[in-house]
N, C-alpha and C. Protein backbone atom coordinates (compact mmCIF):
# COMPACT_ATOMS: atom_id res chain seq x y z
N MET A 1 0.71 -1.26 0.11
CA MET A 1 0.09 -0.25 -0.02
C MET A 1 1.06 1.09 0.13
N THR A 2 0.43 1.98 -0.67
CA THR A 2 1.22 3.17 -0.85
C THR A 2 0.46 4.81 0.02
N THR A 3 1.04 5.32 0.37
CA THR A 3 0.38 6.52 1.34
C THR A 3 1.38 8.23 1.19
N THR A 4 0.74 8.54 1.05
CA THR A 4 1.24 10.15 0.96
C THR A 4 1.09 11.01 2.37
N ASP A 5 2.16 11.83 2.39
CA ASP A 5 2.46 12.19 4.08
C ASP A 5 2.05 14.05 3.26
N ARG A 6 1.22 14.49 4.09
CA ARG A 6 0.57 15.87 3.62
C ARG A 6 2.21 17.12 3.53
N ARG A 7 2.70 16.48 4.48
CA ARG A 7 4.56 17.00 4.42
C ARG A 7 4.88 17.17 2.69
N ASP A 8 4.48 16.39 1.92
CA ASP A 8 5.32 16.25 0.89
C ASP A 8 4.30 16.94 -0.54
N GLU A 9 3.25 17.30 0.07
CA GLU A 9 2.26 17.91 -0.88
C GLU A 9 2.73 19.23 -1.55
N GLY A 10 2.79 19.36 -3.02
CA GLY A 10 3.57 20.64 -3.65
C GLY A 10 5.28 20.26 -3.06
N ALA A 11 6.15 19.71 -2.83
CA ALA A 11 7.50 18.83 -2.65
C ALA A 11 7.05 19.50 -4.46
N ASP A 12 8.42 20.12 -4.96
CA ASP A 12 8.77 20.30 -6.28
C ASP A 12 10.55 20.16 -6.39
N VAL A 13 10.46 18.80 -6.82
CA VAL A 13 12.34 18.95 -7.13
C VAL A 13 13.15 19.10 -8.55
N ARG A 14 13.35 20.03 -9.10
CA ARG A 14 13.55 19.97 -10.42
C ARG A 14 15.11 19.95 -10.97
N PHE A 15 15.14 19.31 -12.15
CA PHE A 15 16.42 18.91 -12.47
C PHE A 15 17.16 19.88 -13.61
N SER A 16 17.77 19.85 -14.03
CA SER A 16 19.07 20.94 -15.00
C SER A 16 19.81 20.24 -15.43
N TYR A 17 20.39 20.18 -16.76
CA TYR A 17 21.03 19.41 -17.23
C TYR A 17 22.17 20.10 -17.89
N GLU A 18 23.60 19.92 -17.78
CA GLU A 18 24.92 20.71 -18.25
C GLU A 18 25.66 19.75 -18.74
N GLU A 19 25.70 19.30 -20.16
CA GLU A 19 26.92 18.45 -20.62
C GLU A 19 26.85 16.76 -19.60
N ASN A 20 27.85 16.62 -18.57
CA ASN A 20 27.87 15.44 -18.13
C ASN A 20 27.62 16.01 -16.56
N LEU A 21 26.91 17.12 -16.23
CA LEU A 21 26.14 17.25 -15.11
C LEU A 21 24.91 17.39 -14.58
N VAL A 22 24.28 16.58 -14.08
CA VAL A 22 22.90 16.98 -13.67
C VAL A 22 22.38 17.69 -12.23
N THR A 23 22.07 18.41 -11.66
CA THR A 23 21.77 18.95 -11.00
C THR A 23 20.30 19.18 -10.28
N ALA A 24 19.76 18.75 -9.07
CA ALA A 24 18.61 18.28 -8.84
C ALA A 24 18.62 19.96 -7.44
N ILE A 25 17.67 20.37 -7.56
CA ILE A 25 16.68 21.43 -6.94
C ILE A 25 15.58 21.68 -6.23
N ASP A 26 16.11 21.75 -5.03
CA ASP A 26 14.99 21.59 -4.34
C ASP A 26 14.36 22.73 -3.70
N VAL A 27 13.25 23.12 -4.91
CA VAL A 27 12.92 24.56 -4.93
C VAL A 27 12.11 24.82 -3.67
N GLU A 28 11.54 24.31 -2.98
CA GLU A 28 11.14 25.18 -1.74
C GLU A 28 12.14 25.05 -0.76
N ALA A 29 12.84 24.40 -0.64
CA ALA A 29 14.29 24.70 0.39
C ALA A 29 15.25 25.48 -0.29
N GLY A 30 15.34 26.03 -1.53
CA GLY A 30 16.63 26.32 -2.56
C GLY A 30 17.60 26.13 -1.63
N VAL A 31 17.50 24.61 -1.84
CA VAL A 31 19.14 23.85 -1.75
C VAL A 31 18.92 22.75 -3.13
N ALA A 32 20.39 22.93 -3.72
CA ALA A 32 20.56 22.47 -4.58
C ALA A 32 22.35 21.32 -4.77
N ALA A 33 21.83 20.66 -5.82
CA ALA A 33 23.30 19.40 -5.39
C ALA A 33 23.73 18.75 -6.69
N SER A 34 24.60 18.32 -7.30
CA SER A 34 24.93 17.88 -8.86
C SER A 34 25.82 16.64 -8.60
N GLY A 35 25.63 15.83 -9.18
CA GLY A 35 26.10 14.56 -9.54
C GLY A 35 25.99 14.17 -11.05
N GLU A 36 26.76 12.88 -11.58
CA GLU A 36 27.16 12.69 -12.86
C GLU A 36 25.53 12.14 -13.22
N SER A 37 24.53 11.45 -12.73
CA SER A 37 23.54 10.87 -12.87
C SER A 37 22.20 11.60 -12.11
N LYS A 38 21.19 11.14 -12.27
CA LYS A 38 20.05 11.82 -11.63
C LYS A 38 20.09 11.24 -10.59
N ALA A 39 20.51 9.86 -10.01
CA ALA A 39 20.19 9.02 -8.88
C ALA A 39 21.44 9.85 -7.76
N ASP A 40 23.08 9.70 -9.22
CA ASP A 40 23.50 10.81 -7.90
C ASP A 40 23.14 11.98 -7.29
N ALA A 41 22.78 13.25 -8.21
CA ALA A 41 22.37 14.12 -7.87
C ALA A 41 21.16 14.40 -6.75
N LEU A 42 20.65 13.04 -6.65
CA LEU A 42 18.91 13.18 -5.74
C LEU A 42 20.09 12.62 -3.89
N ALA A 43 21.16 11.62 -4.70
CA ALA A 43 21.52 11.03 -3.42
C ALA A 43 22.67 12.77 -3.03
N GLU A 44 23.18 13.00 -3.27
CA GLU A 44 23.85 14.46 -2.88
C GLU A 44 22.74 15.78 -2.58
N LEU A 45 21.92 15.43 -3.09
CA LEU A 45 20.78 16.76 -2.54
C LEU A 45 20.13 16.29 -1.31
N SER A 46 19.95 14.64 -1.09
CA SER A 46 19.62 14.22 0.60
C SER A 46 20.46 14.78 1.37
N ASP A 47 21.84 14.59 1.19
CA ASP A 47 22.77 14.97 1.83
C ASP A 47 22.92 16.46 2.01
N ALA A 48 23.28 17.70 1.02
CA ALA A 48 22.64 18.64 1.49
C ALA A 48 21.35 19.08 2.13
N LEU A 49 20.18 18.45 1.86
CA LEU A 49 19.32 18.81 2.61
C LEU A 49 19.01 18.70 4.20
N ALA A 50 19.90 17.64 4.20
CA ALA A 50 20.37 17.24 5.98
C ALA A 50 20.69 18.02 6.61
N LEU A 51 21.57 18.66 5.89
CA LEU A 51 22.69 19.49 6.79
C LEU A 51 22.07 20.87 6.42
N HIS A 52 21.11 20.75 5.47
CA HIS A 52 20.47 22.47 5.70
C HIS A 52 19.43 22.58 6.92
N GLU A 53 19.11 21.32 7.08
CA GLU A 53 18.13 21.35 8.48
C GLU A 53 18.72 21.15 9.57
N GLY A 54 19.95 21.26 9.63
CA GLY A 54 21.10 21.75 10.98
C GLY A 54 21.35 19.87 11.01
N GLY A 55 21.68 19.26 10.18
CA GLY A 55 22.36 17.64 10.56
C GLY A 55 24.04 18.05 9.89
N GLY A 56 24.87 17.24 10.52
CA GLY A 56 25.97 17.58 10.24
C GLY A 56 26.91 18.35 11.87
N GLU A 57 28.31 18.20 12.05
CA GLU A 57 28.49 19.45 13.07
C GLU A 57 29.06 20.44 12.38
N GLU A 58 29.06 21.14 13.25
CA GLU A 58 28.94 22.94 13.52
C GLU A 58 30.81 23.14 13.22
N ILE A 59 30.66 23.91 12.12
CA ILE A 59 32.09 24.76 11.80
C ILE A 59 32.31 26.05 12.69
N LYS A 60 33.39 25.52 13.53
CA LYS A 60 33.49 26.50 14.44
C LYS A 60 33.79 27.80 13.83
N ASN A 61 35.25 27.47 13.20
CA ASN A 61 36.35 28.40 12.43
C ASN A 61 36.19 28.47 10.69
N GLU A 62 35.30 29.00 10.43
CA GLU A 62 35.02 29.00 8.49
C GLU A 62 36.55 29.02 8.03
N ASP A 63 37.38 30.33 8.30
CA ASP A 63 38.28 30.28 7.43
C ASP A 63 39.38 29.00 8.09
N ALA A 64 39.64 28.55 8.47
CA ALA A 64 40.54 27.46 8.87
C ALA A 64 39.99 26.03 7.98
N PHE A 65 38.40 25.96 8.47
CA PHE A 65 37.94 25.05 7.66
C PHE A 65 38.38 25.04 6.23
N LEU A 66 38.04 26.12 5.61
CA LEU A 66 38.44 26.77 4.05
C LEU A 66 39.32 26.34 3.61
N ARG A 67 40.26 26.59 4.54
CA ARG A 67 42.14 26.67 4.53
C ARG A 67 42.34 24.89 4.17
N GLU A 68 41.68 24.13 5.20
CA GLU A 68 41.87 22.51 5.07
C GLU A 68 41.20 21.70 3.93
N ILE A 69 40.16 22.73 3.52
CA ILE A 69 39.49 21.88 2.19
C ILE A 69 40.30 22.81 1.01
N GLY A 70 41.28 23.60 0.97
CA GLY A 70 41.86 24.44 0.30
C GLY A 70 41.31 25.26 -0.46
N ILE A 71 40.49 26.20 -0.03
CA ILE A 71 39.79 27.05 -0.60
C ILE A 71 40.53 28.24 0.34
N ASP A 72 40.94 29.38 -0.46
CA ASP A 72 41.40 30.66 -0.05
C ASP A 72 39.85 31.45 0.30
N SER A 73 39.99 32.06 1.79
CA SER A 73 38.87 32.50 2.35
C SER A 73 38.29 34.07 1.75
N SER A 74 39.60 34.42 1.06
CA SER A 74 39.47 35.60 0.25
C SER A 74 38.21 35.81 -1.11
N ASP A 75 38.21 34.18 -1.40
CA ASP A 75 37.95 34.40 -2.67
C ASP A 75 36.29 34.10 -2.55
N VAL A 76 35.82 33.60 -1.40
CA VAL A 76 34.57 33.47 -1.05
C VAL A 76 33.71 34.75 -0.75
N THR A 77 33.03 35.33 -0.87
CA THR A 77 31.87 35.97 -0.78
C THR A 77 30.62 35.74 -0.09
N VAL A 78 30.08 35.99 1.37
CA VAL A 78 28.84 35.67 1.60
C VAL A 78 28.24 36.34 1.28
N GLU A 79 27.87 37.01 0.19
CA GLU A 79 25.98 37.77 -0.32
C GLU A 79 26.31 37.01 -1.37
N GLN A 80 26.78 35.83 -1.97
CA GLN A 80 26.58 35.17 -3.39
C GLN A 80 25.31 34.80 -2.82
N THR A 81 23.68 34.89 -4.14
CA THR A 81 22.91 34.39 -4.23
C THR A 81 23.05 33.05 -5.67
N PRO A 82 22.87 32.11 -4.39
CA PRO A 82 22.76 31.01 -6.21
C PRO A 82 21.76 30.83 -7.39
N PRO A 83 22.37 30.88 -8.18
CA PRO A 83 21.48 31.11 -9.58
C PRO A 83 20.29 30.33 -9.45
N TRP A 84 19.69 29.61 -8.63
CA TRP A 84 18.67 28.72 -8.47
C TRP A 84 17.44 29.67 -7.71
N CYS A 85 18.19 30.28 -6.95
CA CYS A 85 17.30 31.51 -5.70
C CYS A 85 16.82 32.49 -6.36
N GLU A 86 17.17 33.16 -7.48
CA GLU A 86 16.95 34.27 -8.80
C GLU A 86 15.87 34.32 -9.02
């Protein structure tokens, strides 16, 4: 038997395709993730939504974290709006 949860009514995930990249976008949350296939993009989106909803570990020192993953913090601006939210 299949049931529908009222919390999912109106839930909308859209996909965009660019060369070898598929991007899954949760329209309501404004969260997106990409992968090499639709299934990969959805799996990444699932992880991104979990983090967006408060999962994961808190980053206490953002600059140190960015250095650790190889990003120069001077290249990052907080005011950037993802293209799918515009």
